[in-house]
ModelCIF file with pLDDT and N, C-alpha, C, O atoms, coordinates in Angstrom:
data_MODEL
#
_entry.id   MODEL 
#
_entity.id                         1 
_entity.type                       polymer 
_entity.pdbx_number_of_molecules   1 
#
_entity_poly.entity_id                      1 
_entity_poly.type                           'polypeptide(L)' 
_entity_poly.nstd_linkage                   no 
_entity_poly.nstd_monomer                   no 
_entity_poly.pdbx_seq_one_letter_code       LVAAITSRGSTNYADSVKGRFTISRDNAKNTVYLQMNILKPEDTAVYY 
_entity_poly.pdbx_seq_one_letter_code_can   LVAAITSRGSTNYADSVKGRFTISRDNAKNTVYLQMNILKPEDTAVYY 
_entity_poly.pdbx_strand_id                 A 
#
loop_
_entity_poly_seq.entity_id 
_entity_poly_seq.num 
_entity_poly_seq.mon_id 
_entity_poly_seq.hetero 
1 1  LEU n 
1 2  VAL n 
1 3  ALA n 
1 4  ALA n 
1 5  ILE n 
1 6  THR n 
1 7  SER n 
1 8  ARG n 
1 9  GLY n 
1 10 SER n 
1 11 THR n 
1 12 ASN n 
1 13 TYR n 
1 14 ALA n 
1 15 ASP n 
1 16 SER n 
1 17 VAL n 
1 18 LYS n 
1 19 GLY n 
1 20 ARG n 
1 21 PHE n 
1 22 THR n 
1 23 ILE n 
1 24 SER n 
1 25 ARG n 
1 26 ASP n 
1 27 ASN n 
1 28 ALA n 
1 29 LYS n 
1 30 ASN n 
1 31 THR n 
1 32 VAL n 
1 33 TYR n 
1 34 LEU n 
1 35 GLN n 
1 36 MET n 
1 37 ASN n 
1 38 ILE n 
1 39 LEU n 
1 40 LYS n 
1 41 PRO n 
1 42 GLU n 
1 43 ASP n 
1 44 THR n 
1 45 ALA n 
1 46 VAL n 
1 47 TYR n 
1 48 TYR n 
#
_struct_asym.id          A 
_struct_asym.entity_id   1 
#
loop_
_ma_qa_metric.id 
_ma_qa_metric.mode 
_ma_qa_metric.name 
_ma_qa_metric.software_group_id 
_ma_qa_metric.type 
1 global pLDDT . pLDDT 
2 local  pLDDT . pLDDT 
#
_ma_qa_metric_global.metric_id      1 
_ma_qa_metric_global.metric_value   97.38 
_ma_qa_metric_global.model_id       1 
_ma_qa_metric_global.ordinal_id     1 
#
loop_
_ma_qa_metric_local.label_asym_id 
_ma_qa_metric_local.label_comp_id 
_ma_qa_metric_local.label_seq_id 
_ma_qa_metric_local.metric_id 
_ma_qa_metric_local.metric_value 
_ma_qa_metric_local.model_id 
_ma_qa_metric_local.ordinal_id 
A LEU 1  2 98.00 1 1  
A VAL 2  2 98.00 1 2  
A ALA 3  2 98.00 1 3  
A ALA 4  2 98.00 1 4  
A ILE 5  2 98.00 1 5  
A THR 6  2 97.00 1 6  
A SER 7  2 95.00 1 7  
A ARG 8  2 95.00 1 8  
A GLY 9  2 95.00 1 9  
A SER 10 2 97.00 1 10 
A THR 11 2 98.00 1 11 
A ASN 12 2 98.00 1 12 
A TYR 13 2 98.00 1 13 
A ALA 14 2 98.00 1 14 
A ASP 15 2 98.00 1 15 
A SER 16 2 97.00 1 16 
A VAL 17 2 98.00 1 17 
A LYS 18 2 98.00 1 18 
A GLY 19 2 97.00 1 19 
A ARG 20 2 98.00 1 20 
A PHE 21 2 98.00 1 21 
A THR 22 2 98.00 1 22 
A ILE 23 2 98.00 1 23 
A SER 24 2 98.00 1 24 
A ARG 25 2 97.00 1 25 
A ASP 26 2 96.00 1 26 
A ASN 27 2 95.00 1 27 
A ALA 28 2 95.00 1 28 
A LYS 29 2 95.00 1 29 
A ASN 30 2 96.00 1 30 
A THR 31 2 97.00 1 31 
A VAL 32 2 98.00 1 32 
A TYR 33 2 98.00 1 33 
A LEU 34 2 98.00 1 34 
A GLN 35 2 98.00 1 35 
A MET 36 2 98.00 1 36 
A ASN 37 2 98.00 1 37 
A ILE 38 2 98.00 1 38 
A LEU 39 2 98.00 1 39 
A LYS 40 2 98.00 1 40 
A PRO 41 2 97.00 1 41 
A GLU 42 2 97.00 1 42 
A ASP 43 2 98.00 1 43 
A THR 44 2 98.00 1 44 
A ALA 45 2 98.00 1 45 
A VAL 46 2 98.00 1 46 
A TYR 47 2 98.00 1 47 
A TYR 48 2 98.00 1 48 
#
loop_
_atom_site.group_PDB 
_atom_site.id 
_atom_site.type_symbol 
_atom_site.label_atom_id 
_atom_site.label_alt_id 
_atom_site.label_comp_id 
_atom_site.label_asym_id 
_atom_site.label_entity_id 
_atom_site.label_seq_id 
_atom_site.pdbx_PDB_ins_code 
_atom_site.Cartn_x 
_atom_site.Cartn_y 
_atom_site.Cartn_z 
_atom_site.occupancy 
_atom_site.B_iso_or_equiv 
_atom_site.pdbx_formal_charge 
_atom_site.auth_seq_id 
_atom_site.auth_comp_id 
_atom_site.auth_asym_id 
_atom_site.auth_atom_id 
_atom_site.pdbx_PDB_model_num 
ATOM 1   N N  . LEU A 1 1  ? -352.352 -178.172 -1.381  1.00 98.00 ? 1  LEU A N  1 
ATOM 2   C CA . LEU A 1 1  ? -351.952 -180.148 -1.558  1.00 98.00 ? 1  LEU A CA 1 
ATOM 3   C C  . LEU A 1 1  ? -352.229 -181.062 -2.383  1.00 98.00 ? 1  LEU A C  1 
ATOM 4   O O  . LEU A 1 1  ? -353.333 -181.220 -2.904  1.00 98.00 ? 1  LEU A O  1 
ATOM 5   N N  . VAL A 1 2  ? -351.290 -181.705 -2.560  1.00 98.00 ? 2  VAL A N  1 
ATOM 6   C CA . VAL A 1 2  ? -351.243 -182.877 -4.509  1.00 98.00 ? 2  VAL A CA 1 
ATOM 7   C C  . VAL A 1 2  ? -352.206 -184.522 -3.711  1.00 98.00 ? 2  VAL A C  1 
ATOM 8   O O  . VAL A 1 2  ? -352.839 -185.306 -4.419  1.00 98.00 ? 2  VAL A O  1 
ATOM 9   N N  . ALA A 1 3  ? -352.081 -184.652 -2.383  1.00 98.00 ? 3  ALA A N  1 
ATOM 10  C CA . ALA A 1 3  ? -352.435 -185.970 -1.946  1.00 98.00 ? 3  ALA A CA 1 
ATOM 11  C C  . ALA A 1 3  ? -352.651 -186.165 -0.608  1.00 98.00 ? 3  ALA A C  1 
ATOM 12  O O  . ALA A 1 3  ? -351.860 -185.745 0.237   1.00 98.00 ? 3  ALA A O  1 
ATOM 13  N N  . ALA A 1 4  ? -353.864 -186.894 -0.283  1.00 98.00 ? 4  ALA A N  1 
ATOM 14  C CA . ALA A 1 4  ? -353.949 -186.800 1.291   1.00 98.00 ? 4  ALA A CA 1 
ATOM 15  C C  . ALA A 1 4  ? -354.322 -187.897 1.500   1.00 98.00 ? 4  ALA A C  1 
ATOM 16  O O  . ALA A 1 4  ? -355.325 -188.243 0.876   1.00 98.00 ? 4  ALA A O  1 
ATOM 17  N N  . ILE A 1 5  ? -353.490 -189.204 2.744   1.00 98.00 ? 5  ILE A N  1 
ATOM 18  C CA . ILE A 1 5  ? -354.025 -190.257 3.195   1.00 98.00 ? 5  ILE A CA 1 
ATOM 19  C C  . ILE A 1 5  ? -354.781 -189.992 4.705   1.00 98.00 ? 5  ILE A C  1 
ATOM 20  O O  . ILE A 1 5  ? -354.223 -189.136 5.390   1.00 98.00 ? 5  ILE A O  1 
ATOM 21  N N  . THR A 1 6  ? -356.017 -190.649 5.305   1.00 97.00 ? 6  THR A N  1 
ATOM 22  C CA . THR A 1 6  ? -356.405 -190.035 6.460   1.00 97.00 ? 6  THR A CA 1 
ATOM 23  C C  . THR A 1 6  ? -355.618 -191.244 7.185   1.00 97.00 ? 6  THR A C  1 
ATOM 24  O O  . THR A 1 6  ? -354.652 -191.719 6.588   1.00 97.00 ? 6  THR A O  1 
ATOM 25  N N  . SER A 1 7  ? -356.007 -191.796 8.523   1.00 95.00 ? 7  SER A N  1 
ATOM 26  C CA . SER A 1 7  ? -355.194 -192.143 9.420   1.00 95.00 ? 7  SER A CA 1 
ATOM 27  C C  . SER A 1 7  ? -355.614 -193.911 9.159   1.00 95.00 ? 7  SER A C  1 
ATOM 28  O O  . SER A 1 7  ? -355.017 -194.980 9.281   1.00 95.00 ? 7  SER A O  1 
ATOM 29  N N  . ARG A 1 8  ? -356.833 -193.517 8.785   1.00 95.00 ? 8  ARG A N  1 
ATOM 30  C CA . ARG A 1 8  ? -357.690 -194.954 8.311   1.00 95.00 ? 8  ARG A CA 1 
ATOM 31  C C  . ARG A 1 8  ? -357.485 -195.732 6.836   1.00 95.00 ? 8  ARG A C  1 
ATOM 32  O O  . ARG A 1 8  ? -357.575 -196.945 6.651   1.00 95.00 ? 8  ARG A O  1 
ATOM 33  N N  . GLY A 1 9  ? -357.145 -194.558 5.704   1.00 95.00 ? 9  GLY A N  1 
ATOM 34  C CA . GLY A 1 9  ? -356.713 -195.064 4.727   1.00 95.00 ? 9  GLY A CA 1 
ATOM 35  C C  . GLY A 1 9  ? -357.506 -194.891 3.650   1.00 95.00 ? 9  GLY A C  1 
ATOM 36  O O  . GLY A 1 9  ? -357.529 -195.587 2.635   1.00 95.00 ? 9  GLY A O  1 
ATOM 37  N N  . SER A 1 10 ? -358.319 -193.699 3.968   1.00 97.00 ? 10 SER A N  1 
ATOM 38  C CA . SER A 1 10 ? -359.086 -192.645 3.084   1.00 97.00 ? 10 SER A CA 1 
ATOM 39  C C  . SER A 1 10 ? -358.259 -191.110 2.195   1.00 97.00 ? 10 SER A C  1 
ATOM 40  O O  . SER A 1 10 ? -357.542 -190.153 2.486   1.00 97.00 ? 10 SER A O  1 
ATOM 41  N N  . THR A 1 11 ? -358.871 -191.642 1.131   1.00 98.00 ? 11 THR A N  1 
ATOM 42  C CA . THR A 1 11 ? -357.685 -190.447 -0.021  1.00 98.00 ? 11 THR A CA 1 
ATOM 43  C C  . THR A 1 11 ? -358.228 -189.620 -0.674  1.00 98.00 ? 11 THR A C  1 
ATOM 44  O O  . THR A 1 11 ? -359.455 -189.531 -0.709  1.00 98.00 ? 11 THR A O  1 
ATOM 45  N N  . ASN A 1 12 ? -357.426 -188.833 -1.335  1.00 98.00 ? 12 ASN A N  1 
ATOM 46  C CA . ASN A 1 12 ? -358.003 -187.598 -1.638  1.00 98.00 ? 12 ASN A CA 1 
ATOM 47  C C  . ASN A 1 12 ? -356.996 -186.886 -2.338  1.00 98.00 ? 12 ASN A C  1 
ATOM 48  O O  . ASN A 1 12 ? -355.858 -186.967 -1.876  1.00 98.00 ? 12 ASN A O  1 
ATOM 49  N N  . TYR A 1 13 ? -357.208 -186.104 -3.508  1.00 98.00 ? 13 TYR A N  1 
ATOM 50  C CA . TYR A 1 13 ? -356.083 -185.989 -5.055  1.00 98.00 ? 13 TYR A CA 1 
ATOM 51  C C  . TYR A 1 13 ? -356.642 -184.215 -5.002  1.00 98.00 ? 13 TYR A C  1 
ATOM 52  O O  . TYR A 1 13 ? -357.207 -183.709 -4.033  1.00 98.00 ? 13 TYR A O  1 
ATOM 53  N N  . ALA A 1 14 ? -356.422 -183.751 -5.851  1.00 98.00 ? 14 ALA A N  1 
ATOM 54  C CA . ALA A 1 14 ? -356.197 -182.389 -6.736  1.00 98.00 ? 14 ALA A CA 1 
ATOM 55  C C  . ALA A 1 14 ? -356.367 -183.300 -7.942  1.00 98.00 ? 14 ALA A C  1 
ATOM 56  O O  . ALA A 1 14 ? -355.932 -184.420 -8.211  1.00 98.00 ? 14 ALA A O  1 
ATOM 57  N N  . ASP A 1 15 ? -357.046 -182.547 -8.492  1.00 98.00 ? 15 ASP A N  1 
ATOM 58  C CA . ASP A 1 15 ? -357.665 -182.414 -9.775  1.00 98.00 ? 15 ASP A CA 1 
ATOM 59  C C  . ASP A 1 15 ? -356.540 -182.217 -10.735 1.00 98.00 ? 15 ASP A C  1 
ATOM 60  O O  . ASP A 1 15 ? -356.844 -182.537 -11.884 1.00 98.00 ? 15 ASP A O  1 
ATOM 61  N N  . SER A 1 16 ? -355.052 -181.677 -10.541 1.00 97.00 ? 16 SER A N  1 
ATOM 62  C CA . SER A 1 16 ? -353.882 -181.695 -11.272 1.00 97.00 ? 16 SER A CA 1 
ATOM 63  C C  . SER A 1 16 ? -353.366 -183.459 -11.384 1.00 97.00 ? 16 SER A C  1 
ATOM 64  O O  . SER A 1 16 ? -352.776 -184.015 -12.310 1.00 97.00 ? 16 SER A O  1 
ATOM 65  N N  . VAL A 1 17 ? -353.661 -183.806 -10.579 1.00 98.00 ? 17 VAL A N  1 
ATOM 66  C CA . VAL A 1 17 ? -352.814 -185.371 -10.040 1.00 98.00 ? 17 VAL A CA 1 
ATOM 67  C C  . VAL A 1 17 ? -353.799 -186.688 -10.261 1.00 98.00 ? 17 VAL A C  1 
ATOM 68  O O  . VAL A 1 17 ? -353.076 -187.681 -10.183 1.00 98.00 ? 17 VAL A O  1 
ATOM 69  N N  . LYS A 1 18 ? -355.065 -187.042 -10.488 1.00 98.00 ? 18 LYS A N  1 
ATOM 70  C CA . LYS A 1 18 ? -356.166 -187.260 -10.713 1.00 98.00 ? 18 LYS A CA 1 
ATOM 71  C C  . LYS A 1 18 ? -355.675 -188.285 -12.087 1.00 98.00 ? 18 LYS A C  1 
ATOM 72  O O  . LYS A 1 18 ? -355.305 -188.001 -13.226 1.00 98.00 ? 18 LYS A O  1 
ATOM 73  N N  . GLY A 1 19 ? -355.876 -189.614 -11.350 1.00 97.00 ? 19 GLY A N  1 
ATOM 74  C CA . GLY A 1 19 ? -355.568 -190.812 -12.829 1.00 97.00 ? 19 GLY A CA 1 
ATOM 75  C C  . GLY A 1 19 ? -353.725 -191.256 -12.697 1.00 97.00 ? 19 GLY A C  1 
ATOM 76  O O  . GLY A 1 19 ? -353.206 -192.301 -13.089 1.00 97.00 ? 19 GLY A O  1 
ATOM 77  N N  . ARG A 1 20 ? -352.970 -189.943 -11.945 1.00 98.00 ? 20 ARG A N  1 
ATOM 78  C CA . ARG A 1 20 ? -351.690 -189.877 -12.608 1.00 98.00 ? 20 ARG A CA 1 
ATOM 79  C C  . ARG A 1 20 ? -350.857 -190.453 -10.950 1.00 98.00 ? 20 ARG A C  1 
ATOM 80  O O  . ARG A 1 20 ? -349.842 -191.125 -10.761 1.00 98.00 ? 20 ARG A O  1 
ATOM 81  N N  . PHE A 1 21 ? -351.486 -190.047 -10.337 1.00 98.00 ? 21 PHE A N  1 
ATOM 82  C CA . PHE A 1 21 ? -350.154 -189.776 -8.477  1.00 98.00 ? 21 PHE A CA 1 
ATOM 83  C C  . PHE A 1 21 ? -350.993 -191.286 -7.644  1.00 98.00 ? 21 PHE A C  1 
ATOM 84  O O  . PHE A 1 21 ? -352.144 -191.697 -7.795  1.00 98.00 ? 21 PHE A O  1 
ATOM 85  N N  . THR A 1 22 ? -350.081 -191.722 -6.932  1.00 98.00 ? 22 THR A N  1 
ATOM 86  C CA . THR A 1 22 ? -351.475 -192.373 -6.160  1.00 98.00 ? 22 THR A CA 1 
ATOM 87  C C  . THR A 1 22 ? -350.558 -192.422 -5.018  1.00 98.00 ? 22 THR A C  1 
ATOM 88  O O  . THR A 1 22 ? -349.408 -192.797 -5.246  1.00 98.00 ? 22 THR A O  1 
ATOM 89  N N  . ILE A 1 23 ? -350.964 -192.030 -3.556  1.00 98.00 ? 23 ILE A N  1 
ATOM 90  C CA . ILE A 1 23 ? -350.780 -191.946 -2.180  1.00 98.00 ? 23 ILE A CA 1 
ATOM 91  C C  . ILE A 1 23 ? -351.010 -193.045 -1.906  1.00 98.00 ? 23 ILE A C  1 
ATOM 92  O O  . ILE A 1 23 ? -351.875 -193.690 -2.498  1.00 98.00 ? 23 ILE A O  1 
ATOM 93  N N  . SER A 1 24 ? -350.240 -193.553 -0.873  1.00 98.00 ? 24 SER A N  1 
ATOM 94  C CA . SER A 1 24 ? -350.472 -194.914 0.078   1.00 98.00 ? 24 SER A CA 1 
ATOM 95  C C  . SER A 1 24 ? -349.241 -194.945 1.334   1.00 98.00 ? 24 SER A C  1 
ATOM 96  O O  . SER A 1 24 ? -348.103 -194.478 1.330   1.00 98.00 ? 24 SER A O  1 
ATOM 97  N N  . ARG A 1 25 ? -349.898 -195.602 2.247   1.00 97.00 ? 25 ARG A N  1 
ATOM 98  C CA . ARG A 1 25 ? -349.296 -195.779 3.402   1.00 97.00 ? 25 ARG A CA 1 
ATOM 99  C C  . ARG A 1 25 ? -348.730 -197.090 3.998   1.00 97.00 ? 25 ARG A C  1 
ATOM 100 O O  . ARG A 1 25 ? -349.294 -198.153 3.737   1.00 97.00 ? 25 ARG A O  1 
ATOM 101 N N  . ASP A 1 26 ? -347.479 -197.046 4.900   1.00 96.00 ? 26 ASP A N  1 
ATOM 102 C CA . ASP A 1 26 ? -347.431 -198.351 5.479   1.00 96.00 ? 26 ASP A CA 1 
ATOM 103 C C  . ASP A 1 26 ? -347.163 -198.491 6.899   1.00 96.00 ? 26 ASP A C  1 
ATOM 104 O O  . ASP A 1 26 ? -346.046 -198.275 7.371   1.00 96.00 ? 26 ASP A O  1 
ATOM 105 N N  . ASN A 1 27 ? -348.005 -198.790 7.477   1.00 95.00 ? 27 ASN A N  1 
ATOM 106 C CA . ASN A 1 27 ? -347.600 -198.410 8.883   1.00 95.00 ? 27 ASN A CA 1 
ATOM 107 C C  . ASN A 1 27 ? -346.656 -198.959 10.059  1.00 95.00 ? 27 ASN A C  1 
ATOM 108 O O  . ASN A 1 27 ? -346.376 -198.596 11.202  1.00 95.00 ? 27 ASN A O  1 
ATOM 109 N N  . ALA A 1 28 ? -346.239 -200.217 9.043   1.00 95.00 ? 28 ALA A N  1 
ATOM 110 C CA . ALA A 1 28 ? -345.057 -201.221 10.274  1.00 95.00 ? 28 ALA A CA 1 
ATOM 111 C C  . ALA A 1 28 ? -344.014 -200.321 9.599   1.00 95.00 ? 28 ALA A C  1 
ATOM 112 O O  . ALA A 1 28 ? -343.151 -200.069 10.440  1.00 95.00 ? 28 ALA A O  1 
ATOM 113 N N  . LYS A 1 29 ? -343.816 -199.899 8.756   1.00 95.00 ? 29 LYS A N  1 
ATOM 114 C CA . LYS A 1 29 ? -342.512 -198.990 8.731   1.00 95.00 ? 29 LYS A CA 1 
ATOM 115 C C  . LYS A 1 29 ? -342.657 -197.732 8.237   1.00 95.00 ? 29 LYS A C  1 
ATOM 116 O O  . LYS A 1 29 ? -341.992 -197.295 7.298   1.00 95.00 ? 29 LYS A O  1 
ATOM 117 N N  . ASN A 1 30 ? -343.975 -196.783 9.163   1.00 96.00 ? 30 ASN A N  1 
ATOM 118 C CA . ASN A 1 30 ? -343.744 -195.684 9.150   1.00 96.00 ? 30 ASN A CA 1 
ATOM 119 C C  . ASN A 1 30 ? -343.135 -194.660 8.166   1.00 96.00 ? 30 ASN A C  1 
ATOM 120 O O  . ASN A 1 30 ? -342.168 -193.914 8.325   1.00 96.00 ? 30 ASN A O  1 
ATOM 121 N N  . THR A 1 31 ? -344.083 -194.846 6.947   1.00 97.00 ? 31 THR A N  1 
ATOM 122 C CA . THR A 1 31 ? -343.900 -194.632 6.038   1.00 97.00 ? 31 THR A CA 1 
ATOM 123 C C  . THR A 1 31 ? -344.897 -194.339 4.626   1.00 97.00 ? 31 THR A C  1 
ATOM 124 O O  . THR A 1 31 ? -345.364 -195.327 4.058   1.00 97.00 ? 31 THR A O  1 
ATOM 125 N N  . VAL A 1 32 ? -345.166 -193.115 4.152   1.00 98.00 ? 32 VAL A N  1 
ATOM 126 C CA . VAL A 1 32 ? -346.010 -193.039 3.264   1.00 98.00 ? 32 VAL A CA 1 
ATOM 127 C C  . VAL A 1 32 ? -345.282 -192.246 2.267   1.00 98.00 ? 32 VAL A C  1 
ATOM 128 O O  . VAL A 1 32 ? -344.346 -191.448 2.323   1.00 98.00 ? 32 VAL A O  1 
ATOM 129 N N  . TYR A 1 33 ? -346.058 -192.751 1.294   1.00 98.00 ? 33 TYR A N  1 
ATOM 130 C CA . TYR A 1 33 ? -345.582 -192.861 -0.141  1.00 98.00 ? 33 TYR A CA 1 
ATOM 131 C C  . TYR A 1 33 ? -346.304 -191.828 -1.188  1.00 98.00 ? 33 TYR A C  1 
ATOM 132 O O  . TYR A 1 33 ? -347.375 -191.260 -0.977  1.00 98.00 ? 33 TYR A O  1 
ATOM 133 N N  . LEU A 1 34 ? -345.461 -191.698 -2.408  1.00 98.00 ? 34 LEU A N  1 
ATOM 134 C CA . LEU A 1 34 ? -346.513 -191.418 -3.395  1.00 98.00 ? 34 LEU A CA 1 
ATOM 135 C C  . LEU A 1 34 ? -345.520 -191.491 -4.606  1.00 98.00 ? 34 LEU A C  1 
ATOM 136 O O  . LEU A 1 34 ? -344.324 -191.442 -4.894  1.00 98.00 ? 34 LEU A O  1 
ATOM 137 N N  . GLN A 1 35 ? -346.976 -191.663 -5.214  1.00 98.00 ? 35 GLN A N  1 
ATOM 138 C CA . GLN A 1 35 ? -346.031 -192.601 -6.719  1.00 98.00 ? 35 GLN A CA 1 
ATOM 139 C C  . GLN A 1 35 ? -346.950 -191.641 -7.983  1.00 98.00 ? 35 GLN A C  1 
ATOM 140 O O  . GLN A 1 35 ? -348.135 -191.412 -8.223  1.00 98.00 ? 35 GLN A O  1 
ATOM 141 N N  . MET A 1 36 ? -345.558 -191.254 -8.600  1.00 98.00 ? 36 MET A N  1 
ATOM 142 C CA . MET A 1 36 ? -346.076 -189.933 -9.305  1.00 98.00 ? 36 MET A CA 1 
ATOM 143 C C  . MET A 1 36 ? -345.978 -190.872 -10.886 1.00 98.00 ? 36 MET A C  1 
ATOM 144 O O  . MET A 1 36 ? -344.960 -191.494 -11.190 1.00 98.00 ? 36 MET A O  1 
ATOM 145 N N  . ASN A 1 37 ? -346.800 -190.839 -11.468 1.00 98.00 ? 37 ASN A N  1 
ATOM 146 C CA . ASN A 1 37 ? -346.857 -191.184 -12.761 1.00 98.00 ? 37 ASN A CA 1 
ATOM 147 C C  . ASN A 1 37 ? -347.125 -190.136 -14.034 1.00 98.00 ? 37 ASN A C  1 
ATOM 148 O O  . ASN A 1 37 ? -347.821 -189.136 -13.858 1.00 98.00 ? 37 ASN A O  1 
ATOM 149 N N  . ILE A 1 38 ? -346.536 -190.431 -15.297 1.00 98.00 ? 38 ILE A N  1 
ATOM 150 C CA . ILE A 1 38 ? -346.703 -189.845 -16.612 1.00 98.00 ? 38 ILE A CA 1 
ATOM 151 C C  . ILE A 1 38 ? -346.527 -187.902 -16.227 1.00 98.00 ? 38 ILE A C  1 
ATOM 152 O O  . ILE A 1 38 ? -347.105 -186.822 -16.348 1.00 98.00 ? 38 ILE A O  1 
ATOM 153 N N  . LEU A 1 39 ? -345.706 -188.336 -15.886 1.00 98.00 ? 39 LEU A N  1 
ATOM 154 C CA . LEU A 1 39 ? -344.888 -186.432 -15.171 1.00 98.00 ? 39 LEU A CA 1 
ATOM 155 C C  . LEU A 1 39 ? -344.945 -185.737 -15.869 1.00 98.00 ? 39 LEU A C  1 
ATOM 156 O O  . LEU A 1 39 ? -344.706 -186.154 -17.003 1.00 98.00 ? 39 LEU A O  1 
ATOM 157 N N  . LYS A 1 40 ? -345.309 -184.135 -15.728 1.00 98.00 ? 40 LYS A N  1 
ATOM 158 C CA . LYS A 1 40 ? -345.079 -183.482 -16.829 1.00 98.00 ? 40 LYS A CA 1 
ATOM 159 C C  . LYS A 1 40 ? -344.322 -182.521 -16.131 1.00 98.00 ? 40 LYS A C  1 
ATOM 160 O O  . LYS A 1 40 ? -343.875 -182.630 -14.989 1.00 98.00 ? 40 LYS A O  1 
ATOM 161 N N  . PRO A 1 41 ? -344.208 -181.517 -16.952 1.00 97.00 ? 41 PRO A N  1 
ATOM 162 C CA . PRO A 1 41 ? -343.324 -180.556 -16.573 1.00 97.00 ? 41 PRO A CA 1 
ATOM 163 C C  . PRO A 1 41 ? -344.012 -179.591 -15.441 1.00 97.00 ? 41 PRO A C  1 
ATOM 164 O O  . PRO A 1 41 ? -343.479 -178.984 -14.512 1.00 97.00 ? 41 PRO A O  1 
ATOM 165 N N  . GLU A 1 42 ? -345.001 -179.644 -15.733 1.00 97.00 ? 42 GLU A N  1 
ATOM 166 C CA . GLU A 1 42 ? -345.925 -178.341 -14.403 1.00 97.00 ? 42 GLU A CA 1 
ATOM 167 C C  . GLU A 1 42 ? -345.848 -179.342 -12.994 1.00 97.00 ? 42 GLU A C  1 
ATOM 168 O O  . GLU A 1 42 ? -346.009 -178.986 -11.826 1.00 97.00 ? 42 GLU A O  1 
ATOM 169 N N  . ASP A 1 43 ? -345.583 -180.537 -13.455 1.00 98.00 ? 43 ASP A N  1 
ATOM 170 C CA . ASP A 1 43 ? -345.182 -181.019 -11.623 1.00 98.00 ? 43 ASP A CA 1 
ATOM 171 C C  . ASP A 1 43 ? -344.190 -180.797 -10.977 1.00 98.00 ? 43 ASP A C  1 
ATOM 172 O O  . ASP A 1 43 ? -344.095 -181.173 -9.808  1.00 98.00 ? 43 ASP A O  1 
ATOM 173 N N  . THR A 1 44 ? -343.181 -180.096 -11.642 1.00 98.00 ? 44 THR A N  1 
ATOM 174 C CA . THR A 1 44 ? -341.983 -179.479 -10.994 1.00 98.00 ? 44 THR A CA 1 
ATOM 175 C C  . THR A 1 44 ? -341.967 -178.867 -9.990  1.00 98.00 ? 44 THR A C  1 
ATOM 176 O O  . THR A 1 44 ? -342.517 -177.768 -10.059 1.00 98.00 ? 44 THR A O  1 
ATOM 177 N N  . ALA A 1 45 ? -341.327 -179.283 -8.576  1.00 98.00 ? 45 ALA A N  1 
ATOM 178 C CA . ALA A 1 45 ? -342.130 -178.538 -7.505  1.00 98.00 ? 45 ALA A CA 1 
ATOM 179 C C  . ALA A 1 45 ? -340.673 -179.407 -6.466  1.00 98.00 ? 45 ALA A C  1 
ATOM 180 O O  . ALA A 1 45 ? -339.852 -180.279 -6.749  1.00 98.00 ? 45 ALA A O  1 
ATOM 181 N N  . VAL A 1 46 ? -340.979 -178.554 -5.162  1.00 98.00 ? 46 VAL A N  1 
ATOM 182 C CA . VAL A 1 46 ? -340.604 -179.201 -4.354  1.00 98.00 ? 46 VAL A CA 1 
ATOM 183 C C  . VAL A 1 46 ? -341.822 -179.498 -4.163  1.00 98.00 ? 46 VAL A C  1 
ATOM 184 O O  . VAL A 1 46 ? -342.882 -178.996 -4.535  1.00 98.00 ? 46 VAL A O  1 
ATOM 185 N N  . TYR A 1 47 ? -341.319 -181.102 -3.018  1.00 98.00 ? 47 TYR A N  1 
ATOM 186 C CA . TYR A 1 47 ? -342.455 -181.938 -2.547  1.00 98.00 ? 47 TYR A CA 1 
ATOM 187 C C  . TYR A 1 47 ? -342.148 -182.711 -1.117  1.00 98.00 ? 47 TYR A C  1 
ATOM 188 O O  . TYR A 1 47 ? -341.661 -183.802 -0.821  1.00 98.00 ? 47 TYR A O  1 
ATOM 189 N N  . TYR A 1 48 ? -342.824 -181.284 -0.187  1.00 98.00 ? 48 TYR A N  1 
ATOM 190 C CA . TYR A 1 48 ? -343.450 -181.591 1.362   1.00 98.00 ? 48 TYR A CA 1 
ATOM 191 C C  . TYR A 1 48 ? -344.125 -182.569 1.792   1.00 98.00 ? 48 TYR A C  1 
ATOM 192 O O  . TYR A 1 48 ? -344.487 -182.600 2.968   1.00 98.00 ? 48 TYR A O  1 
#
């Protein structure tokens, strides 16, 4: 798990990405986002 957001908007993050990644959702667009900043080689992965 990298990041999660509940139906009410509460969020939580893996320690490894805290302060660098931000999860958000736009219910009007049926979309969830993951903003990833200060990326590191160890962030390389398939994201689901």
